[in-house]
């Protein structure tokens, strides 16, 4: 995700934070989320989807994951947007840690710029699939 802020170089996005939240909070957001786009197989009709979207405190969209060259990978990752009650809970209840990873983002980017992808990748945290109950995400597949 560090690349989305230009590795900490985009104006107004010069600080990169790693925010750790509770599992309970993340799963609450998933249970109360609505897809950011209409899917006929999942929604009765567009009007119902729009109603759900308007009232949902969280939105889900699936974006292609990217490699260090920003080329799309063959799988997608969940992007979760919070608003209303979810944003309040996030700020007041779910956060258990915040770390400034701006120096790390800049270091990774420096390696990428000169083609040292192995060194860049070695600095990144290990990513693994997040285990979650199928019933929680089945209505969020788009």
C-alpha atoms as a PDB file:
ATOM      1  CA  UNK A   1       0.000   0.000   0.000  1.00  0.00           C
ATOM      2  CA  UNK A   2       2.965   2.351   0.406  1.00  0.00           C
ATOM      3  CA  UNK A   3       2.994   3.085  -3.321  1.00  0.00           C
ATOM      4  CA  UNK A   4      -0.489   4.660  -3.147  1.00  0.00           C
ATOM      5  CA  UNK A   5       0.979   7.703  -1.408  1.00  0.00           C
ATOM      6  CA  UNK A   6       3.926   7.821  -3.791  1.00  0.00           C
ATOM      7  CA  UNK A   7       6.142   6.179  -1.175  1.00  0.00           C
ATOM      8  CA  UNK A   8       5.551   9.202   1.068  1.00  0.00           C
ATOM      9  CA  UNK A   9       6.365  11.720  -1.665  1.00  0.00           C
ATOM     10  CA  UNK A  10       2.906  12.892  -2.788  1.00  0.00           C
ATOM     11  CA  UNK A  11       1.931  16.329  -1.584  1.00  0.00           C
ATOM     12  CA  UNK A  12      -0.169  16.063   1.555  1.00  0.00           C
ATOM     13  CA  UNK A  13       0.765  12.377   1.945  1.00  0.00           C
ATOM     14  CA  UNK A  14       4.359  12.699   3.126  1.00  0.00           C
ATOM     15  CA  UNK A  15       3.810  10.636   6.281  1.00  0.00           C
ATOM     16  CA  UNK A  16       3.142   6.900   5.996  1.00  0.00           C
ATOM     17  CA  UNK A  17       1.584   5.229   9.020  1.00  0.00           C
ATOM     18  CA  UNK A  18       1.084   1.559   9.795  1.00  0.00           C
ATOM     19  CA  UNK A  19      -2.099   1.342  11.861  1.00  0.00           C
ATOM     20  CA  UNK A  20      -2.858  -1.841  13.772  1.00  0.00           C
ATOM     21  CA  UNK A  21      -6.496  -2.450  14.682  1.00  0.00           C
ATOM     22  CA  UNK A  22      -8.320  -5.189  16.544  1.00  0.00           C
ATOM     23  CA  UNK A  23      -9.592  -8.219  14.689  1.00  0.00           C
ATOM     24  CA  UNK A  24     -13.017  -7.577  16.217  1.00  0.00           C
ATOM     25  CA  UNK A  25     -13.090  -4.066  14.777  1.00  0.00           C
ATOM     26  CA  UNK A  26     -12.040  -5.171  11.307  1.00  0.00           C
ATOM     27  CA  UNK A  27     -14.646  -7.923  11.241  1.00  0.00           C
ATOM     28  CA  UNK A  28     -17.331  -5.530  12.513  1.00  0.00           C
ATOM     29  CA  UNK A  29     -16.521  -3.267   9.575  1.00  0.00           C
ATOM     30  CA  UNK A  30     -16.743  -6.211   7.152  1.00  0.00           C
ATOM     31  CA  UNK A  31     -20.096  -7.339   8.591  1.00  0.00           C
ATOM     32  CA  UNK A  32     -21.494  -3.811   8.197  1.00  0.00           C
ATOM     33  CA  UNK A  33     -19.946  -3.060   4.808  1.00  0.00           C
ATOM     34  CA  UNK A  34     -21.518  -2.712   1.392  1.00  0.00           C
ATOM     35  CA  UNK A  35     -19.805  -3.225  -1.945  1.00  0.00           C
ATOM     36  CA  UNK A  36     -18.816   0.053  -3.571  1.00  0.00           C
ATOM     37  CA  UNK A  37     -20.355  -1.081  -6.863  1.00  0.00           C
ATOM     38  CA  UNK A  38     -23.535  -2.819  -7.978  1.00  0.00           C
ATOM     39  CA  UNK A  39     -23.371  -6.578  -8.665  1.00  0.00           C
ATOM     40  CA  UNK A  40     -26.596  -8.063 -10.093  1.00  0.00           C
ATOM     41  CA  UNK A  41     -25.861 -11.495  -8.604  1.00  0.00           C
ATOM     42  CA  UNK A  42     -25.564 -10.041  -5.107  1.00  0.00           C
ATOM     43  CA  UNK A  43     -28.115  -7.210  -5.071  1.00  0.00           C
ATOM     44  CA  UNK A  44     -31.848  -7.388  -5.712  1.00  0.00           C
ATOM     45  CA  UNK A  45     -31.612  -4.304  -7.936  1.00  0.00           C
ATOM     46  CA  UNK A  46     -29.675  -1.044  -8.244  1.00  0.00           C
ATOM     47  CA  UNK A  47     -32.105   0.837  -6.022  1.00  0.00           C
ATOM     48  CA  UNK A  48     -31.604  -1.672  -3.185  1.00  0.00           C
ATOM     49  CA  UNK A  49     -27.821  -1.517  -3.598  1.00  0.00           C
ATOM     50  CA  UNK A  50     -27.903   2.308  -3.523  1.00  0.00           C
ATOM     51  CA  UNK A  51     -29.997   2.194  -0.346  1.00  0.00           C
ATOM     52  CA  UNK A  52     -27.536  -0.209   1.290  1.00  0.00           C
ATOM     53  CA  UNK A  53     -24.575   1.893   0.184  1.00  0.00           C
ATOM     54  CA  UNK A  54     -26.109   5.070   1.558  1.00  0.00           C
ATOM     55  CA  UNK A  55     -26.615   3.557   5.009  1.00  0.00           C
ATOM     56  CA  UNK A  56     -23.529   1.353   5.302  1.00  0.00           C
ATOM     57  CA  UNK A  57     -20.787   2.639   7.615  1.00  0.00           C
ATOM     58  CA  UNK A  58     -18.166   0.828   5.527  1.00  0.00           C
ATOM     59  CA  UNK A  59     -17.533   0.219   1.814  1.00  0.00           C
ATOM     60  CA  UNK A  60     -15.573  -2.546   0.141  1.00  0.00           C
ATOM     61  CA  UNK A  61     -13.881  -2.553  -3.219  1.00  0.00           C
ATOM     62  CA  UNK A  62     -11.515  -5.148  -4.609  1.00  0.00           C
ATOM     63  CA  UNK A  63      -8.381  -3.718  -6.220  1.00  0.00           C
ATOM     64  CA  UNK A  64      -5.658  -5.583  -8.073  1.00  0.00           C
ATOM     65  CA  UNK A  65      -2.640  -6.155  -5.917  1.00  0.00           C
ATOM     66  CA  UNK A  66       0.564  -4.794  -7.485  1.00  0.00           C
ATOM     67  CA  UNK A  67       4.209  -5.788  -7.598  1.00  0.00           C
ATOM     68  CA  UNK A  68       7.098  -3.409  -6.928  1.00  0.00           C
ATOM     69  CA  UNK A  69       6.940  -2.139 -10.529  1.00  0.00           C
ATOM     70  CA  UNK A  70       3.234  -1.370  -9.899  1.00  0.00           C
ATOM     71  CA  UNK A  71       2.201  -3.999 -12.445  1.00  0.00           C
ATOM     72  CA  UNK A  72      -1.056  -5.761 -11.520  1.00  0.00           C
ATOM     73  CA  UNK A  73      -0.797  -9.206  -9.963  1.00  0.00           C
ATOM     74  CA  UNK A  74      -3.349 -11.953 -10.716  1.00  0.00           C
ATOM     75  CA  UNK A  75      -5.273 -11.457  -7.468  1.00  0.00           C
ATOM     76  CA  UNK A  76      -7.157  -8.703  -5.729  1.00  0.00           C
ATOM     77  CA  UNK A  77      -7.039  -7.300  -2.231  1.00  0.00           C
ATOM     78  CA  UNK A  78      -9.864  -5.850  -0.238  1.00  0.00           C
ATOM     79  CA  UNK A  79      -9.890  -2.102   0.213  1.00  0.00           C
ATOM     80  CA  UNK A  80     -12.104  -0.978   3.084  1.00  0.00           C
ATOM     81  CA  UNK A  81     -13.409   2.572   3.413  1.00  0.00           C
ATOM     82  CA  UNK A  82     -14.836   3.737   6.728  1.00  0.00           C
ATOM     83  CA  UNK A  83     -17.389   6.435   7.430  1.00  0.00           C
ATOM     84  CA  UNK A  84     -19.892   7.409  10.086  1.00  0.00           C
ATOM     85  CA  UNK A  85     -20.096   4.907  12.948  1.00  0.00           C
ATOM     86  CA  UNK A  86     -17.246   2.792  11.553  1.00  0.00           C
ATOM     87  CA  UNK A  87     -14.871   5.771  11.446  1.00  0.00           C
ATOM     88  CA  UNK A  88     -15.797   6.694  15.018  1.00  0.00           C
ATOM     89  CA  UNK A  89     -15.255   3.134  16.239  1.00  0.00           C
ATOM     90  CA  UNK A  90     -11.963   2.982  14.342  1.00  0.00           C
ATOM     91  CA  UNK A  91     -10.658   6.120  16.037  1.00  0.00           C
ATOM     92  CA  UNK A  92     -12.095   5.462  19.505  1.00  0.00           C
ATOM     93  CA  UNK A  93     -12.001   1.666  19.913  1.00  0.00           C
ATOM     94  CA  UNK A  94     -10.170  -0.347  17.273  1.00  0.00           C
ATOM     95  CA  UNK A  95      -6.701   1.179  17.019  1.00  0.00           C
ATOM     96  CA  UNK A  96      -4.153  -0.685  19.127  1.00  0.00           C
ATOM     97  CA  UNK A  97      -0.980   0.663  17.551  1.00  0.00           C
ATOM     98  CA  UNK A  98       0.349   3.311  15.181  1.00  0.00           C
ATOM     99  CA  UNK A  99       3.847   3.306  13.738  1.00  0.00           C
ATOM    100  CA  UNK A 100       5.443   5.904  11.482  1.00  0.00           C
ATOM    101  CA  UNK A 101       6.870   3.853   8.593  1.00  0.00           C
ATOM    102  CA  UNK A 102       7.806   6.837   6.426  1.00  0.00           C
ATOM    103  CA  UNK A 103      11.550   6.062   6.567  1.00  0.00           C
ATOM    104  CA  UNK A 104      10.819   2.454   5.545  1.00  0.00           C
ATOM    105  CA  UNK A 105       8.643   3.593   2.618  1.00  0.00           C
ATOM    106  CA  UNK A 106      11.390   5.899   1.390  1.00  0.00           C
ATOM    107  CA  UNK A 107      14.023   3.167   1.765  1.00  0.00           C
ATOM    108  CA  UNK A 108      11.915   0.630  -0.160  1.00  0.00           C
ATOM    109  CA  UNK A 109      11.267   3.177  -2.893  1.00  0.00           C
ATOM    110  CA  UNK A 110      14.982   4.017  -3.140  1.00  0.00           C
ATOM    111  CA  UNK A 111      15.740   0.335  -3.802  1.00  0.00           C
ATOM    112  CA  UNK A 112      12.926   0.094  -6.363  1.00  0.00           C
ATOM    113  CA  UNK A 113      14.179   3.185  -8.229  1.00  0.00           C
ATOM    114  CA  UNK A 114      17.595   1.619  -8.780  1.00  0.00           C
ATOM    115  CA  UNK A 115      16.239  -1.822  -9.644  1.00  0.00           C
ATOM    116  CA  UNK A 116      17.142  -3.555  -6.377  1.00  0.00           C
ATOM    117  CA  UNK A 117      13.815  -5.361  -6.103  1.00  0.00           C
ATOM    118  CA  UNK A 118      15.087  -8.213  -3.941  1.00  0.00           C
ATOM    119  CA  UNK A 119      16.431  -5.725  -1.393  1.00  0.00           C
ATOM    120  CA  UNK A 120      13.188  -3.718  -1.551  1.00  0.00           C
ATOM    121  CA  UNK A 121      11.023  -6.814  -1.078  1.00  0.00           C
ATOM    122  CA  UNK A 122      13.129  -7.958   1.875  1.00  0.00           C
ATOM    123  CA  UNK A 123      12.200  -4.757   3.742  1.00  0.00           C
ATOM    124  CA  UNK A 124       8.455  -5.224   3.319  1.00  0.00           C
ATOM    125  CA  UNK A 125       6.380  -6.938   6.000  1.00  0.00           C
ATOM    126  CA  UNK A 126       5.264 -10.470   5.233  1.00  0.00           C
ATOM    127  CA  UNK A 127       1.757 -10.561   3.820  1.00  0.00           C
ATOM    128  CA  UNK A 128      -0.553 -13.513   4.180  1.00  0.00           C
ATOM    129  CA  UNK A 129      -4.217 -14.173   3.534  1.00  0.00           C
ATOM    130  CA  UNK A 130      -6.473 -12.976   6.313  1.00  0.00           C
ATOM    131  CA  UNK A 131      -8.608 -15.819   7.669  1.00  0.00           C
ATOM    132  CA  UNK A 132     -12.247 -14.776   7.888  1.00  0.00           C
ATOM    133  CA  UNK A 133     -15.527 -16.688   7.963  1.00  0.00           C
ATOM    134  CA  UNK A 134     -17.028 -17.219   4.503  1.00  0.00           C
ATOM    135  CA  UNK A 135     -20.396 -15.855   5.669  1.00  0.00           C
ATOM    136  CA  UNK A 136     -18.685 -12.568   6.517  1.00  0.00           C
ATOM    137  CA  UNK A 137     -17.300 -11.969   3.021  1.00  0.00           C
ATOM    138  CA  UNK A 138     -19.616 -13.911   0.689  1.00  0.00           C
ATOM    139  CA  UNK A 139     -21.839 -10.862   0.137  1.00  0.00           C
ATOM    140  CA  UNK A 140     -18.786  -8.681  -0.483  1.00  0.00           C
ATOM    141  CA  UNK A 141     -17.395 -10.525  -3.466  1.00  0.00           C
ATOM    142  CA  UNK A 142     -17.558  -8.380  -6.535  1.00  0.00           C
END
